[in-house]
Amino acid sequence: LKGKTLLPSFIDAWGHFTLIAQNTLSVNLGYFS
């Protein structure tokens, strides 16, 4: 790991997978783009 951190992966407890999928056909204008 060369000093990196290993954790259990994250679990999505509340979200819109299908909406995220749909939005990939659009231009992402978010603060995280």
Full PDB file with SEQRES, HELIX, SHEET, SSBOND, CRYST1, ORIGX, SCALE, CONECT and MASTER records, all heavy atoms in Angstrom:
SEQRES   1 A   33  LEU LYS GLY LYS THR LEU LEU PRO SER PHE ILE ASP ALA          
SEQRES   2 A   33  TRP GLY HIS PHE THR LEU ILE ALA GLN ASN THR LEU SER          
SEQRES   3 A   33  VAL ASN LEU GLY TYR PHE SER                                  
HELIX    1 AA1 PHE A   17  ASN A   23  1                                   7    
CRYST1    1.000    1.000    1.000  90.00  90.00  90.00 P 1           1          
ORIGX1      1.000000  0.000000  0.000000        0.00000                         
ORIGX2      0.000000  1.000000  0.000000        0.00000                         
ORIGX3      0.000000  0.000000  1.000000        0.00000                         
SCALE1      1.000000  0.000000  0.000000        0.00000                         
SCALE2      0.000000  1.000000  0.000000        0.00000                         
SCALE3      0.000000  0.000000  1.000000        0.00000                         
ATOM      1  N   LEU A   1       0.814  -1.218   0.000  1.00  0.00           N  
ATOM      2  CA  LEU A   1       0.000   0.000   0.000  1.00  0.00           C  
ATOM      3  C   LEU A   1       0.850   1.272   0.000  1.00  0.00           C  
ATOM      4  O   LEU A   1       0.330   2.364  -0.256  1.00  0.00           O  
ATOM      5  CB  LEU A   1      -0.942   0.002   1.210  1.00  0.00           C  
ATOM      6  CG  LEU A   1      -2.043  -1.059   1.188  1.00  0.00           C  
ATOM      7  CD1 LEU A   1      -2.706  -1.155   2.545  1.00  0.00           C  
ATOM      8  CD2 LEU A   1      -3.071  -0.760   0.109  1.00  0.00           C  
ATOM      9  N   LYS A   2       2.113   1.141   0.324  1.00  0.00           N  
ATOM     10  CA  LYS A   2       3.053   2.272   0.300  1.00  0.00           C  
ATOM     11  C   LYS A   2       2.544   3.469   1.100  1.00  0.00           C  
ATOM     12  O   LYS A   2       2.584   4.615   0.651  1.00  0.00           O  
ATOM     13  CB  LYS A   2       3.346   2.676  -1.142  1.00  0.00           C  
ATOM     14  CG  LYS A   2       4.030   1.581  -1.944  1.00  0.00           C  
ATOM     15  CD  LYS A   2       4.303   1.997  -3.379  1.00  0.00           C  
ATOM     16  CE  LYS A   2       4.985   0.863  -4.139  1.00  0.00           C  
ATOM     17  NZ  LYS A   2       5.234   1.208  -5.558  1.00  0.00           N  
ATOM     18  N   GLY A   3       2.004   3.147   2.286  1.00  0.00           N  
ATOM     19  CA  GLY A   3       1.559   4.200   3.182  1.00  0.00           C  
ATOM     20  C   GLY A   3       0.154   4.705   2.938  1.00  0.00           C  
ATOM     21  O   GLY A   3      -0.333   5.572   3.683  1.00  0.00           O  
ATOM     22  N   LYS A   4      -0.509   4.187   1.908  1.00  0.00           N  
ATOM     23  CA  LYS A   4      -1.883   4.618   1.628  1.00  0.00           C  
ATOM     24  C   LYS A   4      -2.836   3.975   2.639  1.00  0.00           C  
ATOM     25  O   LYS A   4      -2.445   3.168   3.481  1.00  0.00           O  
ATOM     26  CB  LYS A   4      -2.273   4.229   0.204  1.00  0.00           C  
ATOM     27  CG  LYS A   4      -1.334   4.737  -0.884  1.00  0.00           C  
ATOM     28  CD  LYS A   4      -1.216   6.248  -0.856  1.00  0.00           C  
ATOM     29  CE  LYS A   4      -0.430   6.784  -2.048  1.00  0.00           C  
ATOM     30  NZ  LYS A   4       1.008   6.457  -1.986  1.00  0.00           N  
ATOM     31  N   THR A   5      -4.110   4.313   2.552  1.00  0.00           N  
ATOM     32  CA  THR A   5      -5.108   3.846   3.522  1.00  0.00           C  
ATOM     33  C   THR A   5      -6.094   2.888   2.870  1.00  0.00           C  
ATOM     34  O   THR A   5      -6.621   3.171   1.793  1.00  0.00           O  
ATOM     35  CB  THR A   5      -5.863   5.044   4.130  1.00  0.00           C  
ATOM     36  OG1 THR A   5      -4.928   5.877   4.818  1.00  0.00           O  
ATOM     37  CG2 THR A   5      -6.936   4.587   5.106  1.00  0.00           C  
ATOM     38  N   LEU A   6      -6.333   1.765   3.519  1.00  0.00           N  
ATOM     39  CA  LEU A   6      -7.288   0.754   3.050  1.00  0.00           C  
ATOM     40  C   LEU A   6      -8.481   0.726   4.001  1.00  0.00           C  
ATOM     41  O   LEU A   6      -8.322   0.607   5.211  1.00  0.00           O  
ATOM     42  CB  LEU A   6      -6.622  -0.618   2.997  1.00  0.00           C  
ATOM     43  CG  LEU A   6      -7.467  -1.768   2.440  1.00  0.00           C  
ATOM     44  CD1 LEU A   6      -7.657  -1.606   0.932  1.00  0.00           C  
ATOM     45  CD2 LEU A   6      -6.818  -3.119   2.747  1.00  0.00           C  
ATOM     46  N   LEU A   7      -9.676   0.829   3.427  1.00  0.00           N  
ATOM     47  CA  LEU A   7     -10.933   0.830   4.195  1.00  0.00           C  
ATOM     48  C   LEU A   7     -11.925  -0.126   3.541  1.00  0.00           C  
ATOM     49  O   LEU A   7     -11.748  -0.505   2.383  1.00  0.00           O  
ATOM     50  CB  LEU A   7     -11.595   2.210   4.161  1.00  0.00           C  
ATOM     51  CG  LEU A   7     -10.934   3.472   4.662  1.00  0.00           C  
ATOM     52  CD1 LEU A   7     -11.806   4.642   4.247  1.00  0.00           C  
ATOM     53  CD2 LEU A   7     -10.798   3.410   6.147  1.00  0.00           C  
ATOM     54  N   PRO A   8     -13.022  -0.438   4.243  1.00  0.00           N  
ATOM     55  CA  PRO A   8     -14.152  -1.055   3.536  1.00  0.00           C  
ATOM     56  C   PRO A   8     -14.670  -0.042   2.513  1.00  0.00           C  
ATOM     57  O   PRO A   8     -14.640   1.171   2.760  1.00  0.00           O  
ATOM     58  CB  PRO A   8     -15.197  -1.294   4.632  1.00  0.00           C  
ATOM     59  CG  PRO A   8     -14.503  -1.053   5.927  1.00  0.00           C  
ATOM     60  CD  PRO A   8     -13.332  -0.179   5.653  1.00  0.00           C  
ATOM     61  N   SER A   9     -15.120  -0.512   1.382  1.00  0.00           N  
ATOM     62  CA  SER A   9     -15.649   0.414   0.373  1.00  0.00           C  
ATOM     63  C   SER A   9     -16.919   1.080   0.888  1.00  0.00           C  
ATOM     64  O   SER A   9     -17.553   0.631   1.845  1.00  0.00           O  
ATOM     65  CB  SER A   9     -15.933  -0.326  -0.927  1.00  0.00           C  
ATOM     66  OG  SER A   9     -16.867  -1.366  -0.704  1.00  0.00           O  
ATOM     67  N   PHE A  10     -17.303   2.157   0.229  1.00  0.00           N  
ATOM     68  CA  PHE A  10     -18.454   2.946   0.667  1.00  0.00           C  
ATOM     69  C   PHE A  10     -19.759   2.317   0.170  1.00  0.00           C  
ATOM     70  O   PHE A  10     -19.813   1.685  -0.894  1.00  0.00           O  
ATOM     71  CB  PHE A  10     -18.335   4.381   0.170  1.00  0.00           C  
ATOM     72  CG  PHE A  10     -17.100   5.084   0.661  1.00  0.00           C  
ATOM     73  CD1 PHE A  10     -16.279   5.787  -0.222  1.00  0.00           C  
ATOM     74  CD2 PHE A  10     -16.744   5.037   2.003  1.00  0.00           C  
ATOM     75  CE1 PHE A  10     -15.143   6.430   0.233  1.00  0.00           C  
ATOM     76  CE2 PHE A  10     -15.606   5.673   2.463  1.00  0.00           C  
ATOM     77  CZ  PHE A  10     -14.803   6.378   1.571  1.00  0.00           C  
ATOM     78  N   ILE A  11     -20.803   2.520   0.956  1.00  0.00           N  
ATOM     79  CA  ILE A  11     -22.129   1.979   0.664  1.00  0.00           C  
ATOM     80  C   ILE A  11     -23.108   3.144   0.530  1.00  0.00           C  
ATOM     81  O   ILE A  11     -23.238   3.968   1.431  1.00  0.00           O  
ATOM     82  CB  ILE A  11     -22.586   1.030   1.794  1.00  0.00           C  
ATOM     83  CG1 ILE A  11     -21.615  -0.162   1.897  1.00  0.00           C  
ATOM     84  CG2 ILE A  11     -24.010   0.547   1.555  1.00  0.00           C  
ATOM     85  CD1 ILE A  11     -21.859  -1.037   3.116  1.00  0.00           C  
ATOM     86  N   ASP A  12     -23.763   3.202  -0.592  1.00  0.00           N  
ATOM     87  CA  ASP A  12     -24.717   4.280  -0.885  1.00  0.00           C  
ATOM     88  C   ASP A  12     -26.040   3.961  -0.197  1.00  0.00           C  
ATOM     89  O   ASP A  12     -26.729   3.009  -0.570  1.00  0.00           O  
ATOM     90  CB  ASP A  12     -24.892   4.380  -2.399  1.00  0.00           C  
ATOM     91  CG  ASP A  12     -25.892   5.433  -2.820  1.00  0.00           C  
ATOM     92  OD1 ASP A  12     -26.080   6.397  -2.065  1.00  0.00           O  
ATOM     93  OD2 ASP A  12     -26.483   5.285  -3.913  1.00  0.00           O  
ATOM     94  N   ALA A  13     -26.384   4.767   0.786  1.00  0.00           N  
ATOM     95  CA  ALA A  13     -27.594   4.505   1.570  1.00  0.00           C  
ATOM     96  C   ALA A  13     -28.824   5.230   1.037  1.00  0.00           C  
ATOM     97  O   ALA A  13     -29.953   4.892   1.412  1.00  0.00           O  
ATOM     98  CB  ALA A  13     -27.369   4.908   3.029  1.00  0.00           C  
ATOM     99  N   TRP A  14     -28.588   6.231   0.181  1.00  0.00           N  
ATOM    100  CA  TRP A  14     -29.734   7.003  -0.321  1.00  0.00           C  
ATOM    101  C   TRP A  14     -29.271   7.782  -1.548  1.00  0.00           C  
ATOM    102  O   TRP A  14     -28.439   8.672  -1.449  1.00  0.00           O  
ATOM    103  CB  TRP A  14     -30.234   7.963   0.755  1.00  0.00           C  
ATOM    104  CG  TRP A  14     -31.622   8.482   0.520  1.00  0.00           C  
ATOM    105  CD1 TRP A  14     -31.976   9.662  -0.062  1.00  0.00           C  
ATOM    106  CD2 TRP A  14     -32.847   7.839   0.869  1.00  0.00           C  
ATOM    107  NE1 TRP A  14     -33.338   9.791  -0.108  1.00  0.00           N  
ATOM    108  CE2 TRP A  14     -33.904   8.681   0.466  1.00  0.00           C  
ATOM    109  CE3 TRP A  14     -33.149   6.627   1.471  1.00  0.00           C  
ATOM    110  CZ2 TRP A  14     -35.239   8.345   0.661  1.00  0.00           C  
ATOM    111  CZ3 TRP A  14     -34.486   6.294   1.664  1.00  0.00           C  
ATOM    112  CH2 TRP A  14     -35.515   7.152   1.267  1.00  0.00           C  
ATOM    113  N   GLY A  15     -29.802   7.433  -2.715  1.00  0.00           N  
ATOM    114  CA  GLY A  15     -29.368   8.118  -3.927  1.00  0.00           C  
ATOM    115  C   GLY A  15     -30.191   7.716  -5.132  1.00  0.00           C  
ATOM    116  O   GLY A  15     -31.158   6.964  -5.033  1.00  0.00           O  
ATOM    117  N   HIS A  16     -29.766   8.227  -6.280  1.00  0.00           N  
ATOM    118  CA  HIS A  16     -30.516   8.032  -7.526  1.00  0.00           C  
ATOM    119  C   HIS A  16     -29.610   7.415  -8.586  1.00  0.00           C  
ATOM    120  O   HIS A  16     -29.181   8.113  -9.516  1.00  0.00           O  
ATOM    121  CB  HIS A  16     -31.030   9.368  -8.052  1.00  0.00           C  
ATOM    122  CG  HIS A  16     -32.086  10.025  -7.233  1.00  0.00           C  
ATOM    123  ND1 HIS A  16     -33.417   9.693  -7.316  1.00  0.00           N  
ATOM    124  CD2 HIS A  16     -32.015  11.032  -6.333  1.00  0.00           C  
ATOM    125  CE1 HIS A  16     -34.121  10.472  -6.496  1.00  0.00           C  
ATOM    126  NE2 HIS A  16     -33.299  11.283  -5.893  1.00  0.00           N  
ATOM    127  N   PHE A  17     -29.315   6.139  -8.485  1.00  0.00           N  
ATOM    128  CA  PHE A  17     -28.454   5.515  -9.489  1.00  0.00           C  
ATOM    129  C   PHE A  17     -29.007   5.712 -10.899  1.00  0.00           C  
ATOM    130  O   PHE A  17     -28.270   6.061 -11.831  1.00  0.00           O  
ATOM    131  CB  PHE A  17     -28.297   4.019  -9.195  1.00  0.00           C  
ATOM    132  CG  PHE A  17     -27.508   3.283 -10.235  1.00  0.00           C  
ATOM    133  CD1 PHE A  17     -26.120   3.271 -10.194  1.00  0.00           C  
ATOM    134  CD2 PHE A  17     -28.149   2.599 -11.270  1.00  0.00           C  
ATOM    135  CE1 PHE A  17     -25.382   2.599 -11.161  1.00  0.00           C  
ATOM    136  CE2 PHE A  17     -27.422   1.926 -12.237  1.00  0.00           C  
ATOM    137  CZ  PHE A  17     -26.030   1.930 -12.185  1.00  0.00           C  
ATOM    138  N   THR A  18     -30.309   5.495 -11.085  1.00  0.00           N  
ATOM    139  CA  THR A  18     -30.877   5.597 -12.436  1.00  0.00           C  
ATOM    140  C   THR A  18     -30.855   7.025 -12.952  1.00  0.00           C  
ATOM    141  O   THR A  18     -30.710   7.256 -14.153  1.00  0.00           O  
ATOM    142  CB  THR A  18     -32.320   5.048 -12.473  1.00  0.00           C  
ATOM    143  OG1 THR A  18     -33.122   5.734 -11.504  1.00  0.00           O  
ATOM    144  CG2 THR A  18     -32.334   3.559 -12.166  1.00  0.00           C  
ATOM    145  N   LEU A  19     -30.990   7.997 -12.055  1.00  0.00           N  
ATOM    146  CA  LEU A  19     -30.927   9.403 -12.469  1.00  0.00           C  
ATOM    147  C   LEU A  19     -29.499   9.802 -12.822  1.00  0.00           C  
ATOM    148  O   LEU A  19     -29.261  10.533 -13.790  1.00  0.00           O  
ATOM    149  CB  LEU A  19     -31.479  10.307 -11.366  1.00  0.00           C  
ATOM    150  CG  LEU A  19     -31.578  11.799 -11.676  1.00  0.00           C  
ATOM    151  CD1 LEU A  19     -32.361  12.042 -12.957  1.00  0.00           C  
ATOM    152  CD2 LEU A  19     -32.236  12.542 -10.515  1.00  0.00           C  
ATOM    153  N   ILE A  20     -28.535   9.317 -12.035  1.00  0.00           N  
ATOM    154  CA  ILE A  20     -27.130   9.548 -12.365  1.00  0.00           C  
ATOM    155  C   ILE A  20     -26.836   8.972 -13.749  1.00  0.00           C  
ATOM    156  O   ILE A  20     -26.150   9.588 -14.574  1.00  0.00           O  
ATOM    157  CB  ILE A  20     -26.213   8.899 -11.317  1.00  0.00           C  
ATOM    158  CG1 ILE A  20     -26.287   9.661 -10.003  1.00  0.00           C  
ATOM    159  CG2 ILE A  20     -24.767   8.848 -11.794  1.00  0.00           C  
ATOM    160  CD1 ILE A  20     -25.727  11.047 -10.063  1.00  0.00           C  
ATOM    161  N   ALA A  21     -27.349   7.774 -14.002  1.00  0.00           N  
ATOM    162  CA  ALA A  21     -27.157   7.140 -15.303  1.00  0.00           C  
ATOM    163  C   ALA A  21     -27.722   8.017 -16.412  1.00  0.00           C  
ATOM    164  O   ALA A  21     -27.056   8.279 -17.430  1.00  0.00           O  
ATOM    165  CB  ALA A  21     -27.818   5.768 -15.312  1.00  0.00           C  
ATOM    166  N   GLN A  22     -28.936   8.477 -16.221  1.00  0.00           N  
ATOM    167  CA  GLN A  22     -29.579   9.339 -17.220  1.00  0.00           C  
ATOM    168  C   GLN A  22     -28.775  10.614 -17.453  1.00  0.00           C  
ATOM    169  O   GLN A  22     -28.578  11.054 -18.590  1.00  0.00           O  
ATOM    170  CB  GLN A  22     -30.993   9.671 -16.730  1.00  0.00           C  
ATOM    171  CG  GLN A  22     -31.759  10.657 -17.577  1.00  0.00           C  
ATOM    172  CD  GLN A  22     -33.117  10.931 -16.976  1.00  0.00           C  
ATOM    173  OE1 GLN A  22     -34.047  10.171 -17.200  1.00  0.00           O  
ATOM    174  NE2 GLN A  22     -33.244  12.002 -16.212  1.00  0.00           N  
ATOM    175  N   ASN A  23     -28.283  11.205 -16.365  1.00  0.00           N  
ATOM    176  CA  ASN A  23     -27.571  12.474 -16.470  1.00  0.00           C  
ATOM    177  C   ASN A  23     -26.241  12.370 -17.211  1.00  0.00           C  
ATOM    178  O   ASN A  23     -25.676  13.382 -17.617  1.00  0.00           O  
ATOM    179  CB  ASN A  23     -27.323  13.060 -15.079  1.00  0.00           C  
ATOM    180  CG  ASN A  23     -28.552  13.718 -14.489  1.00  0.00           C  
ATOM    181  OD1 ASN A  23     -29.564  13.868 -15.167  1.00  0.00           O  
ATOM    182  ND2 ASN A  23     -28.479  14.103 -13.233  1.00  0.00           N  
ATOM    183  N   THR A  24     -25.749  11.151 -17.377  1.00  0.00           N  
ATOM    184  CA  THR A  24     -24.479  11.009 -18.113  1.00  0.00           C  
ATOM    185  C   THR A  24     -24.650  11.349 -19.597  1.00  0.00           C  
ATOM    186  O   THR A  24     -23.659  11.484 -20.309  1.00  0.00           O  
ATOM    187  CB  THR A  24     -23.897   9.588 -17.978  1.00  0.00           C  
ATOM    188  OG1 THR A  24     -24.805   8.632 -18.543  1.00  0.00           O  
ATOM    189  CG2 THR A  24     -23.608   9.250 -16.524  1.00  0.00           C  
ATOM    190  N   LEU A  25     -25.893  11.506 -20.039  1.00  0.00           N  
ATOM    191  CA  LEU A  25     -26.148  11.925 -21.418  1.00  0.00           C  
ATOM    192  C   LEU A  25     -26.205  13.443 -21.539  1.00  0.00           C  
ATOM    193  O   LEU A  25     -26.421  13.970 -22.634  1.00  0.00           O  
ATOM    194  CB  LEU A  25     -27.462  11.315 -21.921  1.00  0.00           C  
ATOM    195  CG  LEU A  25     -27.529   9.786 -21.935  1.00  0.00           C  
ATOM    196  CD1 LEU A  25     -28.905   9.325 -22.379  1.00  0.00           C  
ATOM    197  CD2 LEU A  25     -26.450   9.208 -22.842  1.00  0.00           C  
ATOM    198  N   SER A  26     -26.022  14.144 -20.428  1.00  0.00           N  
ATOM    199  CA  SER A  26     -26.080  15.610 -20.429  1.00  0.00           C  
ATOM    200  C   SER A  26     -24.708  16.193 -20.066  1.00  0.00           C  
ATOM    201  O   SER A  26     -23.768  15.455 -19.783  1.00  0.00           O  
ATOM    202  CB  SER A  26     -27.132  16.087 -19.414  1.00  0.00           C  
ATOM    203  OG  SER A  26     -26.723  15.775 -18.093  1.00  0.00           O  
ATOM    204  N   VAL A  27     -24.618  17.511 -20.076  1.00  0.00           N  
ATOM    205  CA  VAL A  27     -23.386  18.193 -19.666  1.00  0.00           C  
ATOM    206  C   VAL A  27     -23.426  18.374 -18.151  1.00  0.00           C  
ATOM    207  O   VAL A  27     -24.362  18.990 -17.621  1.00  0.00           O  
ATOM    208  CB  VAL A  27     -23.245  19.563 -20.356  1.00  0.00           C  
ATOM    209  CG1 VAL A  27     -21.971  20.268 -19.889  1.00  0.00           C  
ATOM    210  CG2 VAL A  27     -23.239  19.409 -21.862  1.00  0.00           C  
ATOM    211  N   ASN A  28     -22.447  17.842 -17.463  1.00  0.00           N  
ATOM    212  CA  ASN A  28     -22.381  17.959 -16.005  1.00  0.00           C  
ATOM    213  C   ASN A  28     -21.889  19.363 -15.641  1.00  0.00           C  
ATOM    214  O   ASN A  28     -20.730  19.702 -15.871  1.00  0.00           O  
ATOM    215  CB  ASN A  28     -21.444  16.902 -15.438  1.00  0.00           C  
ATOM    216  CG  ASN A  28     -21.408  16.892 -13.918  1.00  0.00           C  
ATOM    217  OD1 ASN A  28     -21.866  17.821 -13.263  1.00  0.00           O  
ATOM    218  ND2 ASN A  28     -20.845  15.852 -13.348  1.00  0.00           N  
ATOM    219  N   LEU A  29     -22.771  20.149 -15.040  1.00  0.00           N  
ATOM    220  CA  LEU A  29     -22.464  21.535 -14.670  1.00  0.00           C  
ATOM    221  C   LEU A  29     -22.273  21.684 -13.162  1.00  0.00           C  
ATOM    222  O   LEU A  29     -22.276  22.793 -12.645  1.00  0.00           O  
ATOM    223  CB  LEU A  29     -23.601  22.455 -15.142  1.00  0.00           C  
ATOM    224  CG  LEU A  29     -23.908  22.415 -16.645  1.00  0.00           C  
ATOM    225  CD1 LEU A  29     -25.216  23.141 -16.944  1.00  0.00           C  
ATOM    226  CD2 LEU A  29     -22.766  23.027 -17.447  1.00  0.00           C  
ATOM    227  N   GLY A  30     -22.109  20.575 -12.458  1.00  0.00           N  
ATOM    228  CA  GLY A  30     -22.038  20.602 -11.001  1.00  0.00           C  
ATOM    229  C   GLY A  30     -20.732  21.153 -10.461  1.00  0.00           C  
ATOM    230  O   GLY A  30     -19.722  21.240 -11.168  1.00  0.00           O  
ATOM    231  N   TYR A  31     -20.758  21.492  -9.175  1.00  0.00           N  
ATOM    232  CA  TYR A  31     -19.560  21.982  -8.501  1.00  0.00           C  
ATOM    233  C   TYR A  31     -18.465  20.926  -8.464  1.00  0.00           C  
ATOM    234  O   TYR A  31     -17.288  21.229  -8.274  1.00  0.00           O  
ATOM    235  CB  TYR A  31     -19.898  22.450  -7.078  1.00  0.00           C  
ATOM    236  CG  TYR A  31     -20.295  21.347  -6.127  1.00  0.00           C  
ATOM    237  CD1 TYR A  31     -19.338  20.596  -5.442  1.00  0.00           C  
ATOM    238  CD2 TYR A  31     -21.633  21.049  -5.894  1.00  0.00           C  
ATOM    239  CE1 TYR A  31     -19.700  19.584  -4.566  1.00  0.00           C  
ATOM    240  CE2 TYR A  31     -22.004  20.029  -5.030  1.00  0.00           C  
ATOM    241  CZ  TYR A  31     -21.035  19.310  -4.367  1.00  0.00           C  
ATOM    242  OH  TYR A  31     -21.390  18.303  -3.506  1.00  0.00           O  
ATOM    243  N   PHE A  32     -18.837  19.674  -8.653  1.00  0.00           N  
ATOM    244  CA  PHE A  32     -17.902  18.550  -8.595  1.00  0.00           C  
ATOM    245  C   PHE A  32     -17.468  18.105  -9.990  1.00  0.00           C  
ATOM    246  O   PHE A  32     -16.755  17.119 -10.130  1.00  0.00           O  
ATOM    247  CB  PHE A  32     -18.555  17.367  -7.869  1.00  0.00           C  
ATOM    248  CG  PHE A  32     -19.936  17.049  -8.379  1.00  0.00           C  
ATOM    249  CD1 PHE A  32     -20.110  16.224  -9.474  1.00  0.00           C  
ATOM    250  CD2 PHE A  32     -21.052  17.603  -7.773  1.00  0.00           C  
ATOM    251  CE1 PHE A  32     -21.372  15.949  -9.960  1.00  0.00           C  
ATOM    252  CE2 PHE A  32     -22.333  17.327  -8.254  1.00  0.00           C  
ATOM    253  CZ  PHE A  32     -22.486  16.501  -9.349  1.00  0.00           C  
ATOM    254  N   SER A  33     -17.900  18.808 -11.035  1.00  0.00           N  
ATOM    255  CA  SER A  33     -17.517  18.430 -12.396  1.00  0.00           C  
ATOM    256  C   SER A  33     -16.062  18.804 -12.661  1.00  0.00           C  
ATOM    257  O   SER A  33     -15.427  19.506 -11.863  1.00  0.00           O  
ATOM    258  CB  SER A  33     -18.431  19.113 -13.419  1.00  0.00           C  
ATOM    259  OG  SER A  33     -18.291  20.525 -13.353  1.00  0.00           O  
TER     260      SER A  33                                                      
MASTER        0    0    0    1    0    0    0    6  259    1    0    3          
END                                                                             
